[in-house]
Amino acid sequence: MDMWLIPALIAGIIITVISFVSTLKIAKMTSKRKSENDTPISETVEEYATMLNPIVWVYAIFLLFLGIMIFYYWSKAGY
């Protein structure tokens, strides 16, 4: 359990920070709306729709964490 505690805490903190920043950006965009009608989608969101998705960030962080753990076990085994 000791070996997994620190990496899990780090991953959790990174995910929390990314989610918090995304939420603040969305709240700021929502408060700037001039009317209750839908506003056009910004060019940034159109170009980078996948990269702005928090689920993609969670998968990327998980894969990075998994790669670090595999490398750690591989280097510890001495292959």
N, C-alpha and C. Protein backbone atom coordinates (compact mmCIF):
# COMPACT_ATOMS: atom_id res chain seq x y z
N MET A 1 0.82 -1.20 0.00
CA MET A 1 0.00 0.00 0.00
C MET A 1 0.86 1.26 0.00
N ASP A 2 2.00 1.20 0.66
CA ASP A 2 2.85 2.38 0.73
C ASP A 2 3.34 2.83 -0.64
N MET A 3 3.64 1.86 -1.51
CA MET A 3 4.17 2.21 -2.82
C MET A 3 3.12 2.90 -3.69
N TRP A 4 1.86 2.59 -3.52
CA TRP A 4 0.80 3.14 -4.35
C TRP A 4 0.20 4.42 -3.79
N LEU A 5 0.46 4.73 -2.54
CA LEU A 5 -0.18 5.87 -1.91
C LEU A 5 0.25 7.21 -2.52
N ILE A 6 1.53 7.45 -2.61
CA ILE A 6 2.04 8.73 -3.13
C ILE A 6 1.66 8.93 -4.61
N PRO A 7 1.88 7.93 -5.50
CA PRO A 7 1.47 8.14 -6.90
C PRO A 7 -0.04 8.35 -7.05
N ALA A 8 -0.84 7.65 -6.25
CA ALA A 8 -2.29 7.83 -6.32
C ALA A 8 -2.69 9.23 -5.86
N LEU A 9 -2.04 9.72 -4.81
CA LEU A 9 -2.32 11.08 -4.34
C LEU A 9 -1.92 12.11 -5.39
N ILE A 10 -0.77 11.93 -6.01
CA ILE A 10 -0.31 12.86 -7.04
C ILE A 10 -1.29 12.87 -8.22
N ALA A 11 -1.70 11.67 -8.68
CA ALA A 11 -2.65 11.59 -9.79
C ALA A 11 -3.98 12.23 -9.41
N GLY A 12 -4.43 12.00 -8.20
CA GLY A 12 -5.68 12.60 -7.74
C GLY A 12 -5.61 14.11 -7.69
N ILE A 13 -4.49 14.64 -7.22
CA ILE A 13 -4.32 16.09 -7.15
C ILE A 13 -4.28 16.70 -8.55
N ILE A 14 -3.59 16.05 -9.48
CA ILE A 14 -3.52 16.56 -10.85
C ILE A 14 -4.91 16.58 -11.48
N ILE A 15 -5.67 15.50 -11.32
CA ILE A 15 -7.01 15.44 -11.88
C ILE A 15 -7.91 16.49 -11.25
N THR A 16 -7.78 16.69 -9.94
CA THR A 16 -8.59 17.69 -9.25
C THR A 16 -8.27 19.10 -9.75
N VAL A 17 -7.00 19.41 -9.92
CA VAL A 17 -6.60 20.74 -10.39
C VAL A 17 -7.11 20.99 -11.81
N ILE A 18 -6.95 20.01 -12.69
CA ILE A 18 -7.42 20.16 -14.06
C ILE A 18 -8.93 20.36 -14.09
N SER A 19 -9.65 19.57 -13.30
CA SER A 19 -11.11 19.71 -13.25
C SER A 19 -11.53 21.06 -12.70
N PHE A 20 -10.84 21.54 -11.68
CA PHE A 20 -11.17 22.83 -11.07
C PHE A 20 -10.95 23.97 -12.07
N VAL A 21 -9.83 23.93 -12.76
CA VAL A 21 -9.53 24.98 -13.74
C VAL A 21 -10.56 24.95 -14.88
N SER A 22 -10.90 23.75 -15.34
CA SER A 22 -11.90 23.63 -16.40
C SER A 22 -13.25 24.18 -15.94
N THR A 23 -13.63 23.88 -14.71
CA THR A 23 -14.89 24.37 -14.17
C THR A 23 -14.89 25.89 -14.08
N LEU A 24 -13.78 26.47 -13.65
CA LEU A 24 -13.71 27.93 -13.58
C LEU A 24 -13.83 28.57 -14.96
N LYS A 25 -13.19 27.97 -15.96
CA LYS A 25 -13.28 28.51 -17.31
C LYS A 25 -14.71 28.44 -17.84
N ILE A 26 -15.38 27.32 -17.59
CA ILE A 26 -16.76 27.17 -18.05
C ILE A 26 -17.66 28.16 -17.32
N ALA A 27 -17.46 28.33 -16.02
CA ALA A 27 -18.28 29.29 -15.26
C ALA A 27 -18.07 30.71 -15.77
N LYS A 28 -16.83 31.03 -16.11
CA LYS A 28 -16.54 32.37 -16.63
C LYS A 28 -17.21 32.58 -17.99
N MET A 29 -17.18 31.56 -18.85
CA MET A 29 -17.83 31.68 -20.15
C MET A 29 -19.33 31.79 -20.00
N THR A 30 -19.89 31.07 -19.05
CA THR A 30 -21.34 31.11 -18.84
C THR A 30 -21.78 32.47 -18.33
N SER A 31 -20.99 33.07 -17.45
CA SER A 31 -21.37 34.38 -16.92
C SER A 31 -21.23 35.49 -17.96
N LYS A 32 -20.44 35.27 -18.99
CA LYS A 32 -20.26 36.28 -20.03
C LYS A 32 -21.35 36.25 -21.10
N ARG A 33 -22.22 35.26 -21.05
CA ARG A 33 -23.27 35.18 -22.06
C ARG A 33 -24.15 36.43 -22.02
N LYS A 34 -24.48 36.91 -23.19
CA LYS A 34 -25.28 38.13 -23.27
C LYS A 34 -26.77 37.82 -23.28
N SER A 35 -27.15 36.63 -23.71
CA SER A 35 -28.56 36.28 -23.76
C SER A 35 -28.72 34.82 -23.36
N GLU A 36 -29.97 34.40 -23.29
CA GLU A 36 -30.23 33.02 -22.94
C GLU A 36 -30.19 32.12 -24.15
N ASN A 37 -30.07 32.68 -25.32
CA ASN A 37 -29.95 31.88 -26.54
C ASN A 37 -28.55 31.30 -26.61
N ASP A 38 -28.43 30.23 -27.36
CA ASP A 38 -27.11 29.61 -27.52
C ASP A 38 -26.19 30.55 -28.29
N THR A 39 -24.97 30.61 -27.83
CA THR A 39 -23.97 31.41 -28.52
C THR A 39 -23.19 30.50 -29.44
N PRO A 40 -22.58 31.04 -30.48
CA PRO A 40 -21.79 30.20 -31.38
C PRO A 40 -20.60 29.59 -30.64
N ILE A 41 -20.20 28.42 -31.10
CA ILE A 41 -19.05 27.73 -30.50
C ILE A 41 -17.79 28.47 -30.91
N SER A 42 -16.92 28.69 -29.94
CA SER A 42 -15.69 29.42 -30.23
C SER A 42 -14.77 28.58 -31.12
N GLU A 43 -13.88 29.26 -31.82
CA GLU A 43 -12.96 28.56 -32.73
C GLU A 43 -12.03 27.64 -31.97
N THR A 44 -11.62 28.02 -30.77
CA THR A 44 -10.72 27.19 -29.98
C THR A 44 -11.37 25.85 -29.65
N VAL A 45 -12.62 25.88 -29.24
CA VAL A 45 -13.32 24.65 -28.91
C VAL A 45 -13.53 23.80 -30.16
N GLU A 46 -13.82 24.44 -31.28
CA GLU A 46 -14.00 23.69 -32.52
C GLU A 46 -12.70 22.99 -32.94
N GLU A 47 -11.57 23.68 -32.78
CA GLU A 47 -10.29 23.11 -33.19
C GLU A 47 -9.77 22.06 -32.22
N TYR A 48 -9.98 22.26 -30.92
CA TYR A 48 -9.39 21.39 -29.91
C TYR A 48 -10.47 20.76 -29.02
N ALA A 49 -11.56 20.32 -29.61
CA ALA A 49 -12.68 19.78 -28.83
C ALA A 49 -12.26 18.55 -28.03
N THR A 50 -11.45 17.70 -28.60
CA THR A 50 -11.03 16.50 -27.90
C THR A 50 -10.07 16.82 -26.77
N MET A 51 -9.15 17.74 -26.98
CA MET A 51 -8.15 18.04 -25.96
C MET A 51 -8.74 18.80 -24.78
N LEU A 52 -9.87 19.45 -24.94
CA LEU A 52 -10.49 20.18 -23.84
C LEU A 52 -11.43 19.29 -23.02
N ASN A 53 -11.57 18.03 -23.41
CA ASN A 53 -12.44 17.11 -22.70
C ASN A 53 -11.71 16.55 -21.48
N PRO A 54 -12.25 16.71 -20.27
CA PRO A 54 -11.57 16.22 -19.06
C PRO A 54 -11.37 14.71 -19.04
N ILE A 55 -12.25 13.96 -19.69
CA ILE A 55 -12.10 12.51 -19.72
C ILE A 55 -10.81 12.13 -20.46
N VAL A 56 -10.50 12.85 -21.52
CA VAL A 56 -9.26 12.59 -22.25
C VAL A 56 -8.06 12.84 -21.34
N TRP A 57 -8.13 13.89 -20.53
CA TRP A 57 -7.04 14.19 -19.60
C TRP A 57 -6.88 13.08 -18.57
N VAL A 58 -7.98 12.54 -18.08
CA VAL A 58 -7.92 11.45 -17.09
C VAL A 58 -7.25 10.23 -17.71
N TYR A 59 -7.64 9.88 -18.94
CA TYR A 59 -6.99 8.75 -19.61
C TYR A 59 -5.50 9.01 -19.84
N ALA A 60 -5.14 10.20 -20.23
CA ALA A 60 -3.73 10.52 -20.48
C ALA A 60 -2.92 10.42 -19.19
N ILE A 61 -3.45 10.93 -18.10
CA ILE A 61 -2.74 10.86 -16.81
C ILE A 61 -2.62 9.41 -16.36
N PHE A 62 -3.70 8.63 -16.55
CA PHE A 62 -3.65 7.22 -16.17
C PHE A 62 -2.59 6.48 -16.97
N LEU A 63 -2.55 6.71 -18.29
CA LEU A 63 -1.55 6.03 -19.12
C LEU A 63 -0.13 6.44 -18.75
N LEU A 64 0.07 7.70 -18.42
CA LEU A 64 1.38 8.16 -17.98
C LEU A 64 1.77 7.47 -16.68
N PHE A 65 0.85 7.43 -15.74
CA PHE A 65 1.08 6.78 -14.46
C PHE A 65 1.37 5.29 -14.65
N LEU A 66 0.61 4.63 -15.53
CA LEU A 66 0.82 3.23 -15.80
C LEU A 66 2.19 2.99 -16.44
N GLY A 67 2.58 3.86 -17.36
CA GLY A 67 3.90 3.73 -17.98
C GLY A 67 5.02 3.90 -16.99
N ILE A 68 4.88 4.83 -16.06
CA ILE A 68 5.90 5.02 -15.03
C ILE A 68 6.01 3.77 -14.15
N MET A 69 4.87 3.20 -13.78
CA MET A 69 4.90 2.00 -12.94
C MET A 69 5.50 0.82 -13.68
N ILE A 70 5.18 0.64 -14.96
CA ILE A 70 5.77 -0.46 -15.74
C ILE A 70 7.27 -0.27 -15.86
N PHE A 71 7.71 0.96 -16.14
CA PHE A 71 9.14 1.22 -16.23
C PHE A 71 9.83 0.95 -14.90
N TYR A 72 9.18 1.32 -13.80
CA TYR A 72 9.75 1.10 -12.47
C TYR A 72 9.95 -0.40 -12.22
N TYR A 73 8.91 -1.19 -12.49
CA TYR A 73 9.03 -2.63 -12.27
C TYR A 73 10.04 -3.26 -13.20
N TRP A 74 10.08 -2.78 -14.45
CA TRP A 74 11.04 -3.30 -15.41
C TRP A 74 12.47 -3.00 -14.99
N SER A 75 12.73 -1.77 -14.52
CA SER A 75 14.08 -1.42 -14.10
C SER A 75 14.45 -2.11 -12.79
N LYS A 76 13.48 -2.36 -11.93
CA LYS A 76 13.75 -3.05 -10.66
C LYS A 76 14.09 -4.52 -10.91
N ALA A 77 13.47 -5.12 -11.94
CA ALA A 77 13.73 -6.53 -12.24
C ALA A 77 15.09 -6.72 -12.88
N GLY A 78 15.66 -5.65 -13.45
CA GLY A 78 17.01 -5.71 -14.00
C GLY A 78 17.11 -6.30 -15.38
N TYR A 79 16.06 -6.19 -16.17
CA TYR A 79 16.13 -6.72 -17.54
C TYR A 79 16.92 -5.81 -18.38
